[in-house]
């Protein structure tokens, strides 16, 4: 029996990659492999990585270095997740072995020549441990965005949606296992259905037919995609069926948003947040800000600070991260790159402001 160690080499939570992690785990269990808790005991090590932004990438790189150092001489290491596609050049400086990017986990079938095969499913067999544990329900992979800075589309490709009936089937299965909270997971769930003649609003409507005591969250949805379907999903917001939305705004400057090719203005984002809250005052919202995008002036940065101050009290989580060059992206070749010390200073200022605003008492 082969011994396997699966390493979650991801610094922050990433539901799409966590589903990859769970899928890999199921794959080896189906092949009667022994999962071990220490990489030193493993004949095969699988590392699930992330390179969404530099801190995540750095974390994955350090984990890989550690695995290389402690593994047996004859143990095999395979790197999965976004890192091999987003920054393969950096990875190759420390690792020249087998890689398997997201969306191509079926390569494991050929690499390892196992009897049971990797299949595109995220069926959860374990019962919910408590009422707040979310069921991660993958609805699509890939993205249709044209963001100038992002390596995700390069890594995962264009949107591939799962059939509505399969999603509904897993939704009901999760309910049967005691889950009340369901996260609709995708690299951009707002792109759902564009490749199969449907869309996210239609999917939400189908899930609502089987609601019972359940609620759903949208993780992740680009603001322009939300704006497009917002009028059609308001009934589900008002009925508290939609209770969470992860909306990465990235900047409060319209000039920078245009350079990013995000497809919306700061004002449109602000209005969409207000509409969400009016429809469902209890909704939890998460967002991201990128600082140090090429050409970002102090005034552009202050526009982001102002937007943060406008809605921070209504947002549960604010992530702040630095722009960094991604292979194959347009922004990597933009002039007016911001010096590292200025990016760090702006990141610290914004994080401090977010912490201060969210720590203030209500009222």
Protein backbone atom coordinates (compact mmCIF):
# COMPACT_ATOMS: atom_id res chain seq x y z
CA UNK A 1 0.00 0.00 0.00
CA UNK A 2 1.51 3.34 -1.09
CA UNK A 3 1.85 6.00 1.59
CA UNK A 4 0.70 9.48 0.59
CA UNK A 5 1.12 12.91 2.18
CA UNK A 6 -1.05 15.72 0.83
CA UNK A 7 0.20 19.18 1.80
CA UNK A 8 -2.12 22.21 1.90
CA UNK A 9 0.57 24.69 0.81
CA UNK A 10 -1.88 27.60 0.69
CA UNK A 11 -1.51 30.59 3.01
CA UNK A 12 -5.07 31.93 2.81
CA UNK A 13 -8.35 30.10 2.30
CA UNK A 14 -9.06 29.32 -1.34
CA UNK A 15 -12.28 27.31 -1.81
CA UNK A 16 -11.56 26.22 -5.43
CA UNK A 17 -8.16 24.84 -4.47
CA UNK A 18 -9.53 23.32 -1.26
CA UNK A 19 -11.93 21.35 -3.45
CA UNK A 20 -8.91 20.18 -5.45
CA UNK A 21 -7.32 19.13 -2.16
CA UNK A 22 -10.46 17.19 -1.16
CA UNK A 23 -10.68 15.62 -4.62
CA UNK A 24 -7.05 14.46 -4.47
CA UNK A 25 -7.68 13.01 -1.02
CA UNK A 26 -10.74 11.09 -2.28
CA UNK A 27 -8.75 9.88 -5.27
CA UNK A 28 -6.07 8.26 -3.13
CA UNK A 29 -8.59 6.85 -0.67
CA UNK A 30 -10.42 5.24 -3.59
CA UNK A 31 -7.14 3.61 -4.59
CA UNK A 32 -6.70 2.21 -1.05
CA UNK A 33 -3.60 4.29 -0.39
CA UNK A 34 -2.55 5.14 3.15
CA UNK A 35 -2.67 8.86 3.93
CA UNK A 36 0.05 9.82 6.42
CA UNK A 37 0.44 12.91 8.62
CA UNK A 38 4.18 13.38 8.16
CA UNK A 39 5.91 13.92 4.79
CA UNK A 40 8.91 11.99 6.11
CA UNK A 41 6.77 8.83 6.09
CA UNK A 42 5.43 9.25 2.54
CA UNK A 43 6.41 7.54 -0.70
CA UNK A 44 4.46 10.18 -2.62
CA UNK A 45 3.88 13.83 -1.66
CA UNK A 46 1.29 16.06 -3.31
CA UNK A 47 1.50 19.82 -2.63
CA UNK A 48 -1.53 22.00 -3.40
CA UNK A 49 -0.30 25.54 -4.06
CA UNK A 50 -1.60 29.06 -4.64
CA UNK A 51 -0.08 32.04 -6.47
CA UNK A 52 -3.00 34.47 -6.40
CA UNK A 53 -0.72 37.15 -4.97
CA UNK A 54 2.88 37.38 -3.85
CA UNK A 55 2.38 36.53 -0.16
CA UNK A 56 0.50 33.37 -1.14
CA UNK A 57 3.13 32.51 -3.74
CA UNK A 58 5.97 33.04 -1.24
CA UNK A 59 4.20 30.77 1.25
CA UNK A 60 3.80 27.98 -1.31
CA UNK A 61 7.43 28.28 -2.40
CA UNK A 62 8.67 27.98 1.20
CA UNK A 63 6.43 24.95 1.80
CA UNK A 64 7.83 23.26 -1.30
CA UNK A 65 11.40 23.96 -0.14
CA UNK A 66 10.54 22.39 3.22
CA UNK A 67 9.03 19.30 1.57
CA UNK A 68 12.09 18.85 -0.64
CA UNK A 69 14.29 19.06 2.43
CA UNK A 70 12.43 16.51 4.61
CA UNK A 71 11.17 13.96 2.07
CA UNK A 72 12.80 10.56 1.63
CA UNK A 73 15.41 10.35 -1.11
CA UNK A 74 13.23 7.98 -3.13
CA UNK A 75 9.92 9.77 -2.43
CA UNK A 76 8.18 11.48 -5.33
CA UNK A 77 6.88 15.05 -5.12
CA UNK A 78 4.11 16.41 -7.38
CA UNK A 79 3.14 20.09 -7.34
CA UNK A 80 -0.50 20.97 -8.05
CA UNK A 81 -2.55 24.18 -7.80
CA UNK A 82 -2.04 27.55 -9.46
CA UNK A 83 1.68 28.08 -8.90
CA UNK A 84 2.99 25.92 -11.81
CA UNK A 85 0.94 27.89 -14.35
CA UNK A 86 1.08 31.38 -12.82
CA UNK A 87 4.80 31.46 -12.01
CA UNK A 88 6.37 28.34 -13.38
CA UNK A 89 9.65 30.21 -13.94
CA UNK A 90 10.07 30.80 -10.20
CA UNK A 91 8.98 27.26 -9.34
CA UNK A 92 11.53 25.75 -11.74
CA UNK A 93 14.33 27.46 -9.83
CA UNK A 94 13.71 25.10 -6.91
CA UNK A 95 11.80 22.18 -8.45
CA UNK A 96 12.13 20.39 -11.79
CA UNK A 97 9.73 17.51 -11.15
CA UNK A 98 6.12 16.76 -12.09
CA UNK A 99 3.49 19.49 -11.96
CA UNK A 100 -0.26 19.31 -12.42
CA UNK A 101 -2.17 22.58 -12.66
CA UNK A 102 -5.80 23.23 -11.69
CA UNK A 103 -8.26 21.90 -14.24
CA UNK A 104 -5.88 19.11 -15.21
CA UNK A 105 -5.96 16.89 -12.13
CA UNK A 106 -7.00 14.04 -14.41
CA UNK A 107 -3.32 13.95 -15.40
CA UNK A 108 -2.77 12.08 -12.14
CA UNK A 109 -4.53 9.11 -13.72
CA UNK A 110 -1.81 8.77 -16.34
CA UNK A 111 1.06 9.80 -14.11
CA UNK A 112 0.27 7.31 -11.35
CA UNK A 113 -1.55 4.65 -13.42
CA UNK A 114 -4.10 3.97 -10.70
CA UNK A 115 -7.25 1.87 -10.96
CA UNK A 116 -9.75 4.42 -9.62
CA UNK A 117 -9.64 7.66 -11.61
CA UNK A 118 -9.86 11.32 -10.73
CA UNK A 119 -13.31 12.55 -11.69
CA UNK A 120 -14.81 16.03 -11.75
CA UNK A 121 -16.87 15.89 -8.58
CA UNK A 122 -16.92 17.39 -5.13
CA UNK A 123 -19.36 15.05 -3.44
CA UNK A 124 -19.01 15.43 0.30
CA UNK A 125 -19.52 12.16 2.13
CA UNK A 126 -19.01 13.43 5.69
CA UNK A 127 -21.88 14.79 7.71
CA UNK A 128 -21.83 18.43 8.81
CA UNK A 129 -20.03 18.87 12.14
CA UNK A 130 -22.07 21.92 13.12
CA UNK A 131 -24.69 24.23 11.62
CA UNK A 132 -22.11 26.86 10.61
CA UNK A 133 -19.91 24.53 8.57
CA UNK A 134 -20.26 25.45 4.88
CA UNK A 135 -20.72 22.98 2.05
CA UNK A 136 -18.39 23.98 -0.80
CA UNK A 137 -20.42 23.56 -3.97
CA UNK A 138 -18.33 24.05 -7.09
CA UNK A 139 -20.39 25.54 -9.92
CA UNK A 140 -17.71 26.43 -12.46
CA UNK A 141 -14.01 26.77 -13.13
CA UNK A 142 -12.13 29.39 -15.06
CA UNK A 143 -12.90 32.99 -15.87
CA UNK A 144 -14.08 35.20 -18.74
CA UNK A 145 -12.45 38.35 -17.38
CA UNK A 146 -9.73 40.30 -19.16
CA UNK A 147 -8.04 41.79 -16.10
CA UNK A 148 -4.62 43.08 -17.05
CA UNK A 149 -2.89 41.87 -13.87
CA UNK A 150 -4.41 38.46 -13.15
CA UNK A 151 -2.78 35.09 -13.76
CA UNK A 152 -5.85 33.01 -12.85
CA UNK A 153 -7.30 32.90 -16.36
CA UNK A 154 -3.90 31.96 -17.73
CA UNK A 155 -3.67 29.22 -15.11
CA UNK A 156 -7.18 27.78 -15.30
CA UNK A 157 -8.59 28.92 -18.64
CA UNK A 158 -12.03 30.11 -19.67
CA UNK A 159 -15.20 29.28 -17.79
CA UNK A 160 -16.41 25.68 -17.74
CA UNK A 161 -19.77 25.39 -16.01
CA UNK A 162 -21.21 22.32 -14.39
CA UNK A 163 -24.74 21.27 -15.41
CA UNK A 164 -27.48 22.77 -13.26
CA UNK A 165 -28.97 19.36 -12.50
CA UNK A 166 -25.63 18.13 -11.11
CA UNK A 167 -25.29 21.18 -8.89
CA UNK A 168 -28.86 20.82 -7.61
CA UNK A 169 -28.19 17.13 -6.94
CA UNK A 170 -25.16 17.95 -4.80
CA UNK A 171 -27.04 20.78 -3.06
CA UNK A 172 -29.71 18.33 -1.98
CA UNK A 173 -27.10 15.75 -1.02
CA UNK A 174 -25.45 18.32 1.24
CA UNK A 175 -28.79 19.12 2.83
CA UNK A 176 -29.23 15.42 3.53
CA UNK A 177 -25.87 15.43 5.32
CA UNK A 178 -27.01 18.23 7.61
CA UNK A 179 -25.48 21.25 5.88
CA UNK A 180 -27.36 24.56 6.11
CA UNK A 181 -24.84 26.91 4.51
CA UNK A 182 -23.70 26.42 0.91
CA UNK A 183 -20.90 28.36 -0.78
CA UNK A 184 -21.21 28.50 -4.57
CA UNK A 185 -17.55 28.22 -5.51
CA UNK A 186 -15.74 29.20 -8.67
CA UNK A 187 -12.90 31.36 -9.90
CA UNK A 188 -15.71 33.79 -10.81
CA UNK A 189 -19.18 32.36 -10.15
CA UNK A 190 -20.61 35.35 -11.99
CA UNK A 191 -19.44 33.71 -15.22
CA UNK A 192 -21.53 30.63 -14.47
CA UNK A 193 -23.56 29.36 -17.42
CA UNK A 194 -22.08 31.59 -20.12
CA UNK A 195 -20.72 28.50 -21.87
CA UNK A 196 -23.94 26.46 -21.57
CA UNK A 197 -26.60 29.01 -22.38
CA UNK A 198 -27.55 29.86 -18.80
CA UNK A 199 -26.38 32.17 -16.01
CA UNK A 200 -25.96 32.47 -12.26
CA UNK A 201 -29.40 33.98 -11.65
CA UNK A 202 -31.04 30.95 -13.28
CA UNK A 203 -28.95 28.60 -11.12
CA UNK A 204 -29.86 30.49 -7.94
CA UNK A 205 -33.53 30.27 -8.87
CA UNK A 206 -33.29 26.49 -9.31
CA UNK A 207 -31.51 26.05 -5.97
CA UNK A 208 -34.12 28.23 -4.24
CA UNK A 209 -36.81 25.71 -5.17
CA UNK A 210 -35.19 23.28 -2.72
CA UNK A 211 -34.19 25.85 -0.11
CA UNK A 212 -35.71 24.42 3.09
CA UNK A 213 -33.57 26.06 5.83
CA UNK A 214 -30.53 26.57 3.61
CA UNK A 215 -28.71 29.72 2.54
CA UNK A 216 -26.07 30.30 -0.11
CA UNK A 217 -22.98 32.46 -0.56
CA UNK A 218 -21.24 33.65 -3.72
CA UNK A 219 -17.50 32.97 -3.60
CA UNK A 220 -16.07 34.67 -5.74
CA UNK A 221 -18.06 37.04 -8.00
CA UNK A 222 -16.63 39.96 -9.98
CA UNK A 223 -18.58 43.17 -9.29
CA UNK A 224 -19.47 43.69 -12.97
CA UNK A 225 -21.04 40.21 -13.06
CA UNK A 226 -23.02 40.93 -9.90
CA UNK A 227 -24.23 44.28 -11.26
CA UNK A 228 -25.53 42.53 -14.40
CA UNK A 229 -27.74 40.07 -12.49
CA UNK A 230 -28.56 42.10 -9.38
CA UNK A 231 -32.14 43.02 -10.41
CA UNK A 232 -32.95 39.33 -10.94
CA UNK A 233 -31.50 38.05 -7.67
CA UNK A 234 -32.99 40.70 -5.37
CA UNK A 235 -35.92 38.42 -4.40
CA UNK A 236 -33.43 35.82 -3.09
CA UNK A 237 -31.53 38.52 -1.17
CA UNK A 238 -34.73 39.81 0.42
CA UNK A 239 -35.70 36.28 1.47
CA UNK A 240 -32.23 35.85 3.08
CA UNK A 241 -31.41 32.98 0.73
CA UNK A 242 -28.20 34.78 -0.35
CA UNK A 243 -26.28 35.64 2.82
CA UNK A 244 -22.67 36.08 1.64
CA UNK A 245 -20.85 37.66 -1.30
CA UNK A 246 -17.13 37.91 -2.02
CA UNK A 247 -16.75 40.94 -4.30
CA UNK A 248 -13.14 41.94 -5.04
CA UNK A 249 -13.22 45.69 -5.81
CA UNK A 250 -9.40 46.03 -6.23
CA UNK A 251 -9.33 49.86 -6.36
CA UNK A 252 -11.37 52.94 -5.56
CA UNK A 253 -9.88 54.88 -8.45
CA UNK A 254 -11.81 54.83 -11.73
CA UNK A 255 -8.58 55.50 -13.61
CA UNK A 256 -6.88 52.47 -12.10
CA UNK A 257 -9.98 50.27 -12.53
CA UNK A 258 -9.91 51.16 -16.23
CA UNK A 259 -6.22 50.27 -16.49
CA UNK A 260 -7.04 46.99 -14.73
CA UNK A 261 -9.84 46.38 -17.27
CA UNK A 262 -12.29 45.57 -14.49
CA UNK A 263 -15.45 46.67 -16.30
CA UNK A 264 -17.06 48.84 -13.59
CA UNK A 265 -16.53 52.13 -11.76
CA UNK A 266 -16.01 52.75 -8.05
CA UNK A 267 -19.44 54.36 -7.96
CA UNK A 268 -21.09 51.30 -9.48
CA UNK A 269 -19.37 49.10 -6.92
CA UNK A 270 -20.50 51.37 -4.08
CA UNK A 271 -24.08 51.32 -5.39
CA UNK A 272 -24.09 47.51 -5.67
CA UNK A 273 -22.95 47.19 -2.04
CA UNK A 274 -25.74 49.51 -0.92
CA UNK A 275 -28.32 47.52 -2.88
CA UNK A 276 -27.13 44.27 -1.35
CA UNK A 277 -27.42 45.71 2.15
CA UNK A 278 -30.84 47.27 1.50
CA UNK A 279 -32.16 43.92 0.27
CA UNK A 280 -30.51 41.90 3.04
CA UNK A 281 -29.13 43.91 6.00
CA UNK A 282 -27.64 40.69 7.40
CA UNK A 283 -25.55 39.83 4.33
CA UNK A 284 -21.83 39.29 4.93
CA UNK A 285 -19.55 40.89 2.35
CA UNK A 286 -15.87 40.30 1.66
CA UNK A 287 -13.65 42.31 -0.68
CA UNK A 288 -10.06 42.73 -1.89
CA UNK A 289 -8.00 45.84 -2.55
CA UNK A 290 -4.84 45.76 -4.65
CA UNK A 291 -2.29 48.48 -3.94
CA UNK A 292 0.70 49.50 -6.02
CA UNK A 293 -0.80 48.87 -9.46
CA UNK A 294 1.45 50.41 -12.16
CA UNK A 295 0.86 54.14 -12.37
CA UNK A 296 -1.07 54.34 -9.08
CA UNK A 297 -0.63 57.86 -7.74
CA UNK A 298 -1.15 59.01 -4.18
CA UNK A 299 -4.51 60.43 -5.27
CA UNK A 300 -5.51 57.06 -6.76
CA UNK A 301 -4.56 55.38 -3.50
CA UNK A 302 -6.52 57.94 -1.48
CA UNK A 303 -9.56 57.17 -3.66
CA UNK A 304 -9.24 53.55 -2.49
CA UNK A 305 -9.00 54.70 1.13
CA UNK A 306 -12.10 56.83 0.67
CA UNK A 307 -14.05 53.93 -0.84
CA UNK A 308 -12.94 51.72 2.04
CA UNK A 309 -14.21 54.31 4.54
CA UNK A 310 -17.54 54.47 2.71
CA UNK A 311 -18.46 50.82 3.19
CA UNK A 312 -15.98 49.19 5.58
CA UNK A 313 -18.50 48.92 8.41
CA UNK A 314 -20.70 46.77 6.17
CA UNK A 315 -17.87 44.47 5.04
CA UNK A 316 -16.82 41.53 7.19
CA UNK A 317 -13.41 40.87 5.59
CA UNK A 318 -11.10 43.26 3.74
CA UNK A 319 -8.05 41.71 2.10
CA UNK A 320 -5.25 44.08 1.06
CA UNK A 321 -2.47 42.81 -1.17
CA UNK A 322 0.30 44.12 -3.39
CA UNK A 323 0.40 44.18 -7.16
CA UNK A 324 3.12 41.90 -8.47
CA UNK A 325 4.05 41.02 -12.00
CA UNK A 326 2.51 37.81 -13.35
CA UNK A 327 3.97 36.00 -16.34
CA UNK A 328 1.94 36.56 -19.49
CA UNK A 329 -0.17 39.46 -18.14
CA UNK A 330 -0.39 42.87 -19.79
CA UNK A 331 0.23 44.77 -16.55
CA UNK A 332 3.63 43.10 -16.16
CA UNK A 333 4.81 45.21 -19.11
CA UNK A 334 3.18 48.46 -18.03
CA UNK A 335 5.48 51.39 -17.45
CA UNK A 336 5.41 53.36 -14.19
CA UNK A 337 5.88 50.33 -11.95
CA UNK A 338 5.60 51.36 -8.29
CA UNK A 339 8.69 50.91 -6.06
CA UNK A 340 8.40 48.15 -3.48
CA UNK A 341 8.80 50.45 -0.47
CA UNK A 342 5.86 52.59 -1.62
CA UNK A 343 3.67 49.52 -2.19
CA UNK A 344 4.49 48.20 1.28
CA UNK A 345 3.77 51.56 2.88
CA UNK A 346 0.40 51.81 1.13
CA UNK A 347 -0.50 48.24 2.05
CA UNK A 348 0.23 48.91 5.70
CA UNK A 349 -1.76 52.15 5.68
CA UNK A 350 -4.80 50.50 4.15
CA UNK A 351 -4.66 47.47 6.45
CA UNK A 352 -4.38 49.74 9.48
CA UNK A 353 -7.37 51.78 8.33
CA UNK A 354 -9.46 48.66 7.70
CA UNK A 355 -8.63 47.28 11.15
CA UNK A 356 -9.46 50.61 12.80
CA UNK A 357 -12.77 51.05 10.99
CA UNK A 358 -13.90 47.49 11.68
CA UNK A 359 -12.94 47.70 15.36
CA UNK A 360 -15.09 50.76 16.08
CA UNK A 361 -18.25 50.05 18.08
CA UNK A 362 -21.55 50.14 16.21
CA UNK A 363 -23.84 53.12 16.60
